[in-house]
């Protein structure tokens, strides 16, 4: 269980009065997987957002997850993170009121895994990511990833510089070298 009072961060997220943001959550874990839930109150906009996640260890090599989020956006109208169809807040980063995520990992062996995730929200934004992670030595991982975004109303929210102005579809990728100590 977790309960926190938070100051936030950044121009949009930092509290603007003596009232902190409030976050609470619970997690139940077993050998089969886990169920997790979290709820957050944004004191700046007086909005609430929450997520529920189910993780399942299907086999020793396959793990899957599904998550759903819901948040209010009635007060997100100052133009900072909002558009007329509803906005984003400090704890609700998706477009509209709801969003869903799903994905999984397949471990080929102790060193190599394939990971994928798909997301979709109320603004009809669709994101797909897939990567291969390889542990060269313990604590040093190389990950190659490809990402796809279909921007529903994403461009309308002032983030059009993140996508091609002539297209609502974008493809990107990354090559990450990570050393953990």
N, C-alpha and C. Protein backbone atom coordinates (compact mmCIF):
# COMPACT_ATOMS: atom_id res chain seq x y z
N UNK A 1 0.85 -1.19 0.00
CA UNK A 1 0.00 0.00 0.00
C UNK A 1 0.89 1.24 0.00
N UNK A 2 0.38 2.31 -0.60
CA UNK A 2 1.10 3.57 -0.61
C UNK A 2 0.10 4.71 -0.42
N UNK A 3 0.51 5.70 0.32
CA UNK A 3 -0.24 6.94 0.46
C UNK A 3 0.78 8.06 0.47
N UNK A 4 0.59 9.04 -0.41
CA UNK A 4 1.56 10.13 -0.46
C UNK A 4 0.87 11.47 -0.65
N UNK A 5 1.51 12.48 -0.12
CA UNK A 5 1.13 13.87 -0.34
C UNK A 5 2.27 14.45 -1.18
N UNK A 6 1.93 14.98 -2.36
CA UNK A 6 2.97 15.36 -3.30
C UNK A 6 2.91 16.84 -3.66
N UNK A 7 4.08 17.40 -3.90
CA UNK A 7 4.22 18.79 -4.31
C UNK A 7 4.04 18.94 -5.82
N UNK A 8 4.30 17.87 -6.57
CA UNK A 8 4.25 17.94 -8.02
C UNK A 8 5.55 18.47 -8.57
N UNK A 9 5.58 18.73 -9.89
CA UNK A 9 6.78 19.28 -10.50
C UNK A 9 6.42 19.97 -11.80
N UNK A 10 7.27 20.87 -12.23
CA UNK A 10 7.05 21.58 -13.48
C UNK A 10 6.03 22.69 -13.35
N UNK A 11 5.83 23.42 -14.44
CA UNK A 11 4.93 24.56 -14.46
C UNK A 11 3.49 24.12 -14.22
N UNK A 12 3.07 23.04 -14.84
CA UNK A 12 1.69 22.57 -14.73
C UNK A 12 1.46 21.79 -13.45
N UNK A 13 2.43 20.99 -13.01
CA UNK A 13 2.22 20.06 -11.92
C UNK A 13 2.46 20.57 -10.52
N UNK A 14 3.29 21.60 -10.32
CA UNK A 14 3.61 22.08 -8.98
C UNK A 14 2.38 22.70 -8.34
N UNK A 15 2.15 22.36 -7.06
CA UNK A 15 0.96 22.85 -6.39
C UNK A 15 0.96 24.37 -6.34
N UNK A 16 -0.24 24.95 -6.42
CA UNK A 16 -0.37 26.41 -6.45
C UNK A 16 -0.99 26.96 -5.17
N UNK A 17 -1.09 26.11 -4.13
CA UNK A 17 -1.60 26.55 -2.84
C UNK A 17 -1.00 25.65 -1.77
N UNK A 18 -1.52 25.70 -0.57
CA UNK A 18 -1.02 24.86 0.52
C UNK A 18 -1.59 23.44 0.45
N UNK A 19 -2.51 23.16 -0.46
CA UNK A 19 -3.14 21.85 -0.57
C UNK A 19 -2.29 20.96 -1.48
N UNK A 20 -1.76 19.84 -0.97
CA UNK A 20 -0.93 18.97 -1.80
C UNK A 20 -1.77 18.06 -2.70
N UNK A 21 -1.11 17.50 -3.72
CA UNK A 21 -1.72 16.42 -4.48
C UNK A 21 -1.74 15.20 -3.55
N UNK A 22 -2.73 14.33 -3.70
CA UNK A 22 -2.85 13.13 -2.86
C UNK A 22 -2.88 11.91 -3.76
N UNK A 23 -2.05 10.91 -3.44
CA UNK A 23 -1.98 9.67 -4.21
C UNK A 23 -2.09 8.50 -3.25
N UNK A 24 -2.92 7.51 -3.61
CA UNK A 24 -3.05 6.30 -2.82
C UNK A 24 -3.11 5.10 -3.73
N UNK A 25 -2.55 3.98 -3.27
CA UNK A 25 -2.57 2.80 -4.11
C UNK A 25 -2.42 1.52 -3.31
N UNK A 26 -2.84 0.41 -3.93
CA UNK A 26 -2.74 -0.91 -3.34
C UNK A 26 -2.23 -1.88 -4.39
N UNK A 27 -1.46 -2.90 -3.94
CA UNK A 27 -0.98 -3.94 -4.85
C UNK A 27 -1.07 -5.28 -4.14
N UNK A 28 -1.57 -6.28 -4.85
CA UNK A 28 -1.66 -7.64 -4.35
C UNK A 28 -0.88 -8.53 -5.30
N UNK A 29 0.16 -9.21 -4.81
CA UNK A 29 1.03 -10.01 -5.65
C UNK A 29 1.01 -11.47 -5.20
N UNK A 30 0.96 -12.37 -6.18
CA UNK A 30 1.03 -13.81 -5.96
C UNK A 30 1.93 -14.40 -7.05
N UNK A 31 2.12 -15.70 -7.04
CA UNK A 31 2.94 -16.36 -8.04
C UNK A 31 2.38 -16.22 -9.45
N UNK A 32 1.08 -16.10 -9.58
CA UNK A 32 0.43 -15.98 -10.90
C UNK A 32 0.57 -14.60 -11.49
N UNK A 33 0.82 -13.58 -10.67
CA UNK A 33 0.92 -12.20 -11.15
C UNK A 33 0.54 -11.21 -10.06
N UNK A 34 -0.16 -10.14 -10.46
CA UNK A 34 -0.49 -9.09 -9.50
C UNK A 34 -1.69 -8.28 -9.97
N UNK A 35 -2.36 -7.67 -9.01
CA UNK A 35 -3.41 -6.68 -9.27
C UNK A 35 -2.98 -5.41 -8.55
N UNK A 36 -2.98 -4.29 -9.27
CA UNK A 36 -2.54 -3.03 -8.72
C UNK A 36 -3.57 -1.94 -9.04
N UNK A 37 -3.80 -1.05 -8.10
CA UNK A 37 -4.69 0.08 -8.32
C UNK A 37 -4.11 1.32 -7.67
N UNK A 38 -4.30 2.46 -8.33
CA UNK A 38 -3.83 3.73 -7.79
C UNK A 38 -4.84 4.82 -8.14
N UNK A 39 -5.04 5.74 -7.21
CA UNK A 39 -5.93 6.88 -7.41
C UNK A 39 -5.17 8.14 -7.00
N UNK A 40 -5.32 9.21 -7.79
CA UNK A 40 -4.61 10.46 -7.50
C UNK A 40 -5.57 11.64 -7.59
N UNK A 41 -5.37 12.60 -6.70
CA UNK A 41 -6.15 13.84 -6.68
C UNK A 41 -5.21 14.99 -7.03
N UNK A 42 -5.51 15.72 -8.10
CA UNK A 42 -4.74 16.88 -8.54
C UNK A 42 -5.36 18.10 -7.87
N UNK A 43 -4.67 18.66 -6.88
CA UNK A 43 -5.23 19.77 -6.10
C UNK A 43 -5.29 21.07 -6.89
N UNK A 44 -4.45 21.24 -7.92
CA UNK A 44 -4.50 22.46 -8.72
C UNK A 44 -5.81 22.56 -9.49
N UNK A 45 -6.22 21.46 -10.11
CA UNK A 45 -7.41 21.46 -10.96
C UNK A 45 -8.61 20.79 -10.31
N UNK A 46 -8.42 20.26 -9.11
CA UNK A 46 -9.48 19.53 -8.39
C UNK A 46 -10.04 18.41 -9.28
N UNK A 47 -9.12 17.62 -9.83
CA UNK A 47 -9.46 16.50 -10.70
C UNK A 47 -8.93 15.21 -10.09
N UNK A 48 -9.56 14.08 -10.45
CA UNK A 48 -9.18 12.77 -9.95
C UNK A 48 -8.86 11.86 -11.13
N UNK A 49 -7.83 11.04 -10.98
CA UNK A 49 -7.47 10.05 -12.00
C UNK A 49 -7.10 8.76 -11.30
N UNK A 50 -7.37 7.63 -11.95
CA UNK A 50 -7.03 6.34 -11.37
C UNK A 50 -6.70 5.32 -12.44
N UNK A 51 -5.94 4.30 -12.03
CA UNK A 51 -5.59 3.19 -12.92
C UNK A 51 -5.71 1.88 -12.16
N UNK A 52 -6.09 0.83 -12.90
CA UNK A 52 -6.10 -0.53 -12.38
C UNK A 52 -5.32 -1.38 -13.37
N UNK A 53 -4.42 -2.23 -12.85
CA UNK A 53 -3.56 -3.05 -13.71
C UNK A 53 -3.59 -4.49 -13.25
N UNK A 54 -3.67 -5.41 -14.22
CA UNK A 54 -3.60 -6.85 -13.98
C UNK A 54 -2.37 -7.39 -14.69
N UNK A 55 -1.48 -8.03 -13.95
CA UNK A 55 -0.30 -8.70 -14.50
C UNK A 55 -0.49 -10.20 -14.34
N UNK A 56 -0.19 -10.95 -15.40
CA UNK A 56 -0.35 -12.41 -15.36
C UNK A 56 0.93 -13.06 -15.88
N UNK A 57 1.47 -13.99 -15.10
CA UNK A 57 2.61 -14.80 -15.54
C UNK A 57 2.03 -16.03 -16.21
N UNK A 58 1.83 -15.97 -17.52
CA UNK A 58 1.19 -17.06 -18.25
C UNK A 58 2.03 -18.34 -18.23
N UNK A 59 3.32 -18.20 -18.43
CA UNK A 59 4.28 -19.31 -18.34
C UNK A 59 5.56 -18.74 -17.75
N UNK A 60 6.58 -19.58 -17.65
CA UNK A 60 7.88 -19.06 -17.20
C UNK A 60 8.47 -18.06 -18.18
N UNK A 61 8.09 -18.18 -19.46
CA UNK A 61 8.65 -17.32 -20.50
C UNK A 61 7.75 -16.16 -20.90
N UNK A 62 6.44 -16.24 -20.60
CA UNK A 62 5.48 -15.23 -21.06
C UNK A 62 4.82 -14.53 -19.88
N UNK A 63 4.91 -13.20 -19.87
CA UNK A 63 4.16 -12.40 -18.89
C UNK A 63 3.34 -11.37 -19.66
N UNK A 64 2.11 -11.15 -19.21
CA UNK A 64 1.17 -10.26 -19.89
C UNK A 64 0.61 -9.24 -18.91
N UNK A 65 0.17 -8.09 -19.42
CA UNK A 65 -0.51 -7.12 -18.56
C UNK A 65 -1.61 -6.42 -19.34
N UNK A 66 -2.59 -5.95 -18.60
CA UNK A 66 -3.63 -5.08 -19.13
C UNK A 66 -3.91 -4.03 -18.06
N UNK A 67 -4.14 -2.79 -18.50
CA UNK A 67 -4.37 -1.71 -17.55
C UNK A 67 -5.42 -0.77 -18.13
N UNK A 68 -6.24 -0.24 -17.26
CA UNK A 68 -7.26 0.74 -17.66
C UNK A 68 -7.14 1.96 -16.75
N UNK A 69 -7.32 3.12 -17.34
CA UNK A 69 -7.27 4.36 -16.58
C UNK A 69 -8.50 5.20 -16.84
N UNK A 70 -8.93 5.93 -15.83
CA UNK A 70 -10.05 6.85 -15.97
C UNK A 70 -9.73 8.11 -15.17
N UNK A 71 -10.09 9.25 -15.73
CA UNK A 71 -9.86 10.50 -15.01
C UNK A 71 -10.86 11.55 -15.42
N UNK A 72 -11.15 12.43 -14.47
CA UNK A 72 -12.04 13.55 -14.76
C UNK A 72 -11.23 14.64 -15.44
N UNK A 73 -11.91 15.51 -16.19
CA UNK A 73 -11.21 16.62 -16.84
C UNK A 73 -12.09 17.85 -16.96
N UNK A 74 -13.07 17.99 -16.09
CA UNK A 74 -14.01 19.11 -16.16
C UNK A 74 -13.34 20.46 -15.95
N UNK A 75 -12.28 20.51 -15.12
CA UNK A 75 -11.64 21.79 -14.79
C UNK A 75 -10.37 22.05 -15.59
N UNK A 76 -10.01 21.17 -16.50
CA UNK A 76 -8.80 21.33 -17.29
C UNK A 76 -9.09 22.16 -18.53
N UNK A 77 -9.34 23.44 -18.33
CA UNK A 77 -9.74 24.30 -19.44
C UNK A 77 -8.89 25.56 -19.56
N UNK A 78 -7.71 25.58 -18.95
CA UNK A 78 -6.91 26.80 -18.98
C UNK A 78 -6.02 26.90 -20.21
N UNK A 79 -6.08 25.94 -21.11
CA UNK A 79 -5.29 25.98 -22.33
C UNK A 79 -3.89 25.42 -22.17
N UNK A 80 -3.45 25.16 -20.94
CA UNK A 80 -2.11 24.63 -20.73
C UNK A 80 -2.00 23.20 -21.22
N UNK A 81 -2.92 22.35 -20.80
CA UNK A 81 -2.91 20.95 -21.17
C UNK A 81 -4.27 20.53 -21.70
N UNK A 82 -5.11 21.46 -22.09
CA UNK A 82 -6.50 21.10 -22.38
C UNK A 82 -6.93 21.57 -23.76
N UNK A 83 -7.93 20.89 -24.29
CA UNK A 83 -8.64 21.33 -25.48
C UNK A 83 -10.12 21.20 -25.16
N UNK A 84 -11.00 21.73 -25.97
CA UNK A 84 -12.43 21.68 -25.65
C UNK A 84 -12.98 20.29 -25.38
N UNK A 85 -12.41 19.24 -25.98
CA UNK A 85 -12.92 17.89 -25.78
C UNK A 85 -12.45 17.27 -24.48
N UNK A 86 -11.75 17.99 -23.64
CA UNK A 86 -11.22 17.46 -22.39
C UNK A 86 -9.71 17.54 -22.40
N UNK A 87 -9.09 17.47 -21.25
CA UNK A 87 -7.66 17.70 -21.22
C UNK A 87 -6.87 16.67 -20.46
N UNK A 88 -5.60 16.98 -20.32
CA UNK A 88 -4.66 16.14 -19.60
C UNK A 88 -4.31 16.87 -18.31
N UNK A 89 -3.99 16.12 -17.29
CA UNK A 89 -3.59 16.71 -16.03
C UNK A 89 -2.26 16.13 -15.58
N UNK A 90 -1.83 16.50 -14.39
CA UNK A 90 -0.55 16.03 -13.87
C UNK A 90 -0.57 14.52 -13.69
N UNK A 91 -1.68 13.94 -13.26
CA UNK A 91 -1.78 12.51 -13.05
C UNK A 91 -2.52 11.79 -14.16
N UNK A 92 -3.14 12.51 -15.08
CA UNK A 92 -3.89 11.90 -16.19
C UNK A 92 -3.25 12.39 -17.48
N UNK A 93 -2.26 11.65 -17.96
CA UNK A 93 -1.47 12.07 -19.11
C UNK A 93 -2.10 11.65 -20.44
N UNK A 94 -3.17 10.89 -20.41
CA UNK A 94 -3.82 10.47 -21.65
C UNK A 94 -4.88 11.47 -22.07
N UNK A 95 -5.35 11.35 -23.31
CA UNK A 95 -6.35 12.26 -23.86
C UNK A 95 -7.76 11.78 -23.57
N UNK A 96 -8.64 12.68 -23.14
CA UNK A 96 -10.02 12.33 -22.82
C UNK A 96 -10.13 11.75 -21.43
N UNK A 97 -11.25 11.05 -21.17
CA UNK A 97 -11.48 10.51 -19.83
C UNK A 97 -10.83 9.15 -19.59
N UNK A 98 -10.72 8.30 -20.60
CA UNK A 98 -10.27 6.93 -20.36
C UNK A 98 -9.13 6.54 -21.29
N UNK A 99 -8.42 5.50 -20.88
CA UNK A 99 -7.35 4.93 -21.70
C UNK A 99 -7.16 3.47 -21.31
N UNK A 100 -6.66 2.68 -22.25
CA UNK A 100 -6.33 1.27 -21.97
C UNK A 100 -4.94 0.98 -22.52
N UNK A 101 -4.24 0.08 -21.84
CA UNK A 101 -2.91 -0.35 -22.23
C UNK A 101 -2.86 -1.86 -22.11
N UNK A 102 -2.08 -2.50 -22.94
CA UNK A 102 -1.87 -3.93 -22.83
C UNK A 102 -0.53 -4.28 -23.43
N UNK A 103 0.02 -5.40 -22.98
CA UNK A 103 1.31 -5.78 -23.53
C UNK A 103 1.82 -7.05 -22.92
N UNK A 104 3.03 -7.38 -23.29
CA UNK A 104 3.61 -8.60 -22.77
C UNK A 104 5.09 -8.69 -23.06
N UNK A 105 5.69 -9.69 -22.43
CA UNK A 105 7.11 -10.00 -22.59
C UNK A 105 7.26 -11.48 -22.85
N UNK A 106 8.10 -11.81 -23.81
CA UNK A 106 8.48 -13.20 -24.05
C UNK A 106 9.98 -13.30 -23.86
N UNK A 107 10.41 -14.15 -22.91
CA UNK A 107 11.83 -14.34 -22.65
C UNK A 107 12.32 -15.53 -23.47
N UNK A 108 13.15 -15.23 -24.47
CA UNK A 108 13.73 -16.30 -25.29
C UNK A 108 14.68 -17.15 -24.46
N UNK A 109 15.47 -16.47 -23.61
CA UNK A 109 16.43 -17.13 -22.72
C UNK A 109 16.75 -16.14 -21.60
N UNK A 110 17.75 -16.45 -20.79
CA UNK A 110 18.09 -15.57 -19.66
C UNK A 110 18.57 -14.19 -20.10
N UNK A 111 19.05 -14.07 -21.32
CA UNK A 111 19.64 -12.80 -21.78
C UNK A 111 18.76 -12.00 -22.72
N UNK A 112 17.80 -12.63 -23.41
CA UNK A 112 17.08 -11.98 -24.49
C UNK A 112 15.57 -12.02 -24.25
N UNK A 113 14.92 -10.86 -24.44
CA UNK A 113 13.46 -10.81 -24.30
C UNK A 113 12.87 -9.90 -25.38
N UNK A 114 11.64 -10.24 -25.76
CA UNK A 114 10.86 -9.45 -26.71
C UNK A 114 9.72 -8.82 -25.91
N UNK A 115 9.53 -7.51 -26.05
CA UNK A 115 8.51 -6.78 -25.30
C UNK A 115 7.64 -6.01 -26.28
N UNK A 116 6.35 -5.97 -26.00
CA UNK A 116 5.44 -5.19 -26.84
C UNK A 116 4.37 -4.55 -25.98
N UNK A 117 3.86 -3.42 -26.44
CA UNK A 117 2.79 -2.71 -25.73
C UNK A 117 1.93 -1.98 -26.74
N UNK A 118 0.64 -1.90 -26.44
CA UNK A 118 -0.30 -1.12 -27.25
C UNK A 118 -1.11 -0.26 -26.30
N UNK A 119 -1.43 0.97 -26.74
CA UNK A 119 -2.25 1.86 -25.92
C UNK A 119 -3.28 2.55 -26.81
N UNK A 120 -4.40 2.90 -26.20
CA UNK A 120 -5.47 3.58 -26.92
C UNK A 120 -6.23 4.43 -25.92
N UNK A 121 -6.64 5.65 -26.32
CA UNK A 121 -7.36 6.50 -25.38
C UNK A 121 -8.62 7.10 -26.00
N UNK A 122 -9.33 7.86 -25.19
CA UNK A 122 -10.61 8.48 -25.55
C UNK A 122 -10.48 9.42 -26.74
N UNK A 123 -9.30 10.00 -26.98
CA UNK A 123 -9.06 10.88 -28.11
C UNK A 123 -8.71 10.11 -29.38
N UNK A 124 -8.80 8.80 -29.33
CA UNK A 124 -8.49 7.91 -30.45
C UNK A 124 -7.01 7.93 -30.83
N UNK A 125 -6.15 8.18 -29.84
CA UNK A 125 -4.70 8.07 -30.03
C UNK A 125 -4.33 6.60 -29.84
N UNK A 126 -3.56 6.06 -30.77
CA UNK A 126 -3.13 4.66 -30.74
C UNK A 126 -1.62 4.64 -30.76
N UNK A 127 -1.03 3.94 -29.81
CA UNK A 127 0.42 3.79 -29.76
C UNK A 127 0.79 2.32 -29.70
N UNK A 128 1.81 1.93 -30.46
CA UNK A 128 2.31 0.56 -30.44
C UNK A 128 3.82 0.62 -30.34
N UNK A 129 4.37 -0.19 -29.44
CA UNK A 129 5.83 -0.25 -29.27
C UNK A 129 6.25 -1.71 -29.20
N UNK A 130 7.40 -2.01 -29.77
CA UNK A 130 7.97 -3.35 -29.69
C UNK A 130 9.47 -3.23 -29.61
N UNK A 131 10.08 -4.07 -28.77
CA UNK A 131 11.53 -4.03 -28.66
C UNK A 131 12.12 -5.39 -28.34
N UNK A 132 13.39 -5.49 -28.57
CA UNK A 132 14.20 -6.64 -28.18
C UNK A 132 15.25 -6.11 -27.21
N UNK A 133 15.32 -6.72 -26.02
CA UNK A 133 16.31 -6.34 -25.02
C UNK A 133 17.29 -7.51 -24.85
N UNK A 134 18.58 -7.18 -24.86
CA UNK A 134 19.61 -8.20 -24.74
C UNK A 134 20.60 -7.78 -23.66
N UNK A 135 20.79 -8.66 -22.66
CA UNK A 135 21.75 -8.42 -21.59
C UNK A 135 23.11 -8.93 -22.04
N UNK A 136 24.01 -8.02 -22.40
CA UNK A 136 25.34 -8.41 -22.86
C UNK A 136 26.11 -9.07 -21.72
N UNK A 137 26.12 -8.40 -20.57
CA UNK A 137 26.67 -8.93 -19.33
C UNK A 137 25.71 -8.49 -18.23
N UNK A 138 25.75 -9.10 -17.05
CA UNK A 138 24.85 -8.65 -15.98
C UNK A 138 25.01 -7.15 -15.72
N UNK A 139 23.89 -6.42 -15.79
CA UNK A 139 23.90 -4.99 -15.55
C UNK A 139 24.11 -4.13 -16.78
N UNK A 140 24.31 -4.73 -17.96
CA UNK A 140 24.48 -3.96 -19.19
C UNK A 140 23.54 -4.52 -20.25
N UNK A 141 22.51 -3.71 -20.60
CA UNK A 141 21.46 -4.14 -21.53
C UNK A 141 21.43 -3.23 -22.75
N UNK A 142 21.27 -3.83 -23.92
CA UNK A 142 21.07 -3.09 -25.15
C UNK A 142 19.65 -3.38 -25.62
N UNK A 143 18.89 -2.33 -25.94
CA UNK A 143 17.51 -2.46 -26.37
C UNK A 143 17.32 -1.75 -27.71
N UNK A 144 16.75 -2.47 -28.67
CA UNK A 144 16.38 -1.88 -29.97
C UNK A 144 14.86 -1.86 -30.03
N UNK A 145 14.29 -0.67 -30.32
CA UNK A 145 12.83 -0.52 -30.26
C UNK A 145 12.31 0.21 -31.49
N UNK A 146 11.09 -0.15 -31.91
CA UNK A 146 10.37 0.56 -32.95
C UNK A 146 9.01 0.96 -32.37
N UNK A 147 8.56 2.19 -32.70
CA UNK A 147 7.31 2.73 -32.15
C UNK A 147 6.44 3.28 -33.27
N UNK A 148 5.14 3.16 -33.09
CA UNK A 148 4.17 3.69 -34.04
C UNK A 148 3.14 4.51 -33.26
N UNK A 149 2.77 5.68 -33.79
CA UNK A 149 1.73 6.52 -33.18
C UNK A 149 0.74 6.93 -34.25
N UNK A 150 -0.53 6.69 -33.98
CA UNK A 150 -1.61 7.27 -34.78
C UNK A 150 -2.23 8.35 -33.90
N UNK A 151 -2.11 9.59 -34.31
CA UNK A 151 -2.61 10.71 -33.52
C UNK A 151 -4.06 10.98 -33.87
N UNK A 152 -4.96 10.68 -32.92
CA UNK A 152 -6.37 11.00 -33.09
C UNK A 152 -6.55 12.49 -32.93
N UNK A 153 -6.79 12.94 -31.69
CA UNK A 153 -6.90 14.37 -31.39
C UNK A 153 -5.61 14.91 -30.80
N UNK A 154 -4.54 14.13 -30.78
CA UNK A 154 -3.27 14.53 -30.18
C UNK A 154 -2.77 15.84 -30.77
N UNK A 155 -2.84 15.98 -32.09
CA UNK A 155 -2.40 17.21 -32.74
C UNK A 155 -3.21 18.42 -32.29
N UNK A 156 -4.50 18.23 -32.01
CA UNK A 156 -5.37 19.32 -31.59
C UNK A 156 -4.96 19.90 -30.24
N UNK A 157 -4.21 19.13 -29.45
CA UNK A 157 -3.84 19.57 -28.11
C UNK A 157 -2.56 20.40 -28.09
N UNK A 158 -2.04 20.78 -29.26
CA UNK A 158 -0.85 21.61 -29.29
C UNK A 158 0.44 20.81 -29.31
N UNK A 159 0.37 19.50 -29.57
CA UNK A 159 1.56 18.67 -29.61
C UNK A 159 1.90 18.27 -31.04
N UNK A 160 1.47 19.05 -32.02
CA UNK A 160 1.67 18.67 -33.42
C UNK A 160 3.14 18.59 -33.79
N UNK A 161 4.02 19.25 -33.05
CA UNK A 161 5.43 19.16 -33.37
C UNK A 161 5.99 17.78 -33.05
N UNK A 162 5.25 16.94 -32.34
CA UNK A 162 5.69 15.58 -32.04
C UNK A 162 5.37 14.63 -33.19
N UNK A 163 4.52 15.06 -34.10
CA UNK A 163 4.15 14.22 -35.23
C UNK A 163 4.34 15.00 -36.51
N UNK A 164 4.38 14.33 -37.62
CA UNK A 164 4.49 14.98 -38.92
C UNK A 164 3.24 15.81 -39.15
N UNK A 165 3.39 17.09 -39.48
CA UNK A 165 2.24 17.99 -39.62
C UNK A 165 1.29 17.54 -40.73
N UNK A 166 1.80 16.81 -41.74
CA UNK A 166 0.96 16.36 -42.84
C UNK A 166 0.34 14.99 -42.60
N UNK A 167 0.67 14.35 -41.49
CA UNK A 167 0.21 12.99 -41.24
C UNK A 167 -0.12 12.79 -39.78
N UNK A 168 -1.10 11.98 -39.52
CA UNK A 168 -1.42 11.64 -38.15
C UNK A 168 -0.76 10.33 -37.75
N UNK A 169 0.13 9.81 -38.59
CA UNK A 169 0.83 8.56 -38.33
C UNK A 169 2.32 8.82 -38.28
N UNK A 170 2.98 8.29 -37.26
CA UNK A 170 4.42 8.46 -37.12
C UNK A 170 5.05 7.13 -36.73
N UNK A 171 6.27 6.92 -37.22
CA UNK A 171 7.05 5.74 -36.85
C UNK A 171 8.40 6.24 -36.35
N UNK A 172 8.87 5.67 -35.27
CA UNK A 172 10.15 6.05 -34.72
C UNK A 172 10.84 4.85 -34.12
N UNK A 173 12.02 5.07 -33.61
CA UNK A 173 12.75 3.98 -32.99
C UNK A 173 13.85 4.50 -32.11
N UNK A 174 14.48 3.58 -31.40
CA UNK A 174 15.59 3.95 -30.54
C UNK A 174 16.51 2.76 -30.36
N UNK A 175 17.74 3.07 -30.02
CA UNK A 175 18.73 2.08 -29.63
C UNK A 175 19.28 2.55 -28.30
N UNK A 176 19.05 1.76 -27.26
CA UNK A 176 19.38 2.19 -25.90
C UNK A 176 20.45 1.29 -25.31
N UNK A 177 21.47 1.90 -24.71
CA UNK A 177 22.50 1.20 -23.99
C UNK A 177 22.34 1.58 -22.52
N UNK A 178 22.06 0.59 -21.67
CA UNK A 178 21.78 0.89 -20.25
C UNK A 178 22.70 0.09 -19.35
N UNK A 179 23.40 0.81 -18.48
CA UNK A 179 24.27 0.19 -17.48
C UNK A 179 23.64 0.39 -16.12
N UNK A 180 23.35 -0.69 -15.42
CA UNK A 180 22.75 -0.64 -14.08
C UNK A 180 23.77 -1.11 -13.06
N UNK A 181 23.82 -0.40 -11.95
CA UNK A 181 24.77 -0.75 -10.89
C UNK A 181 24.05 -1.22 -9.66
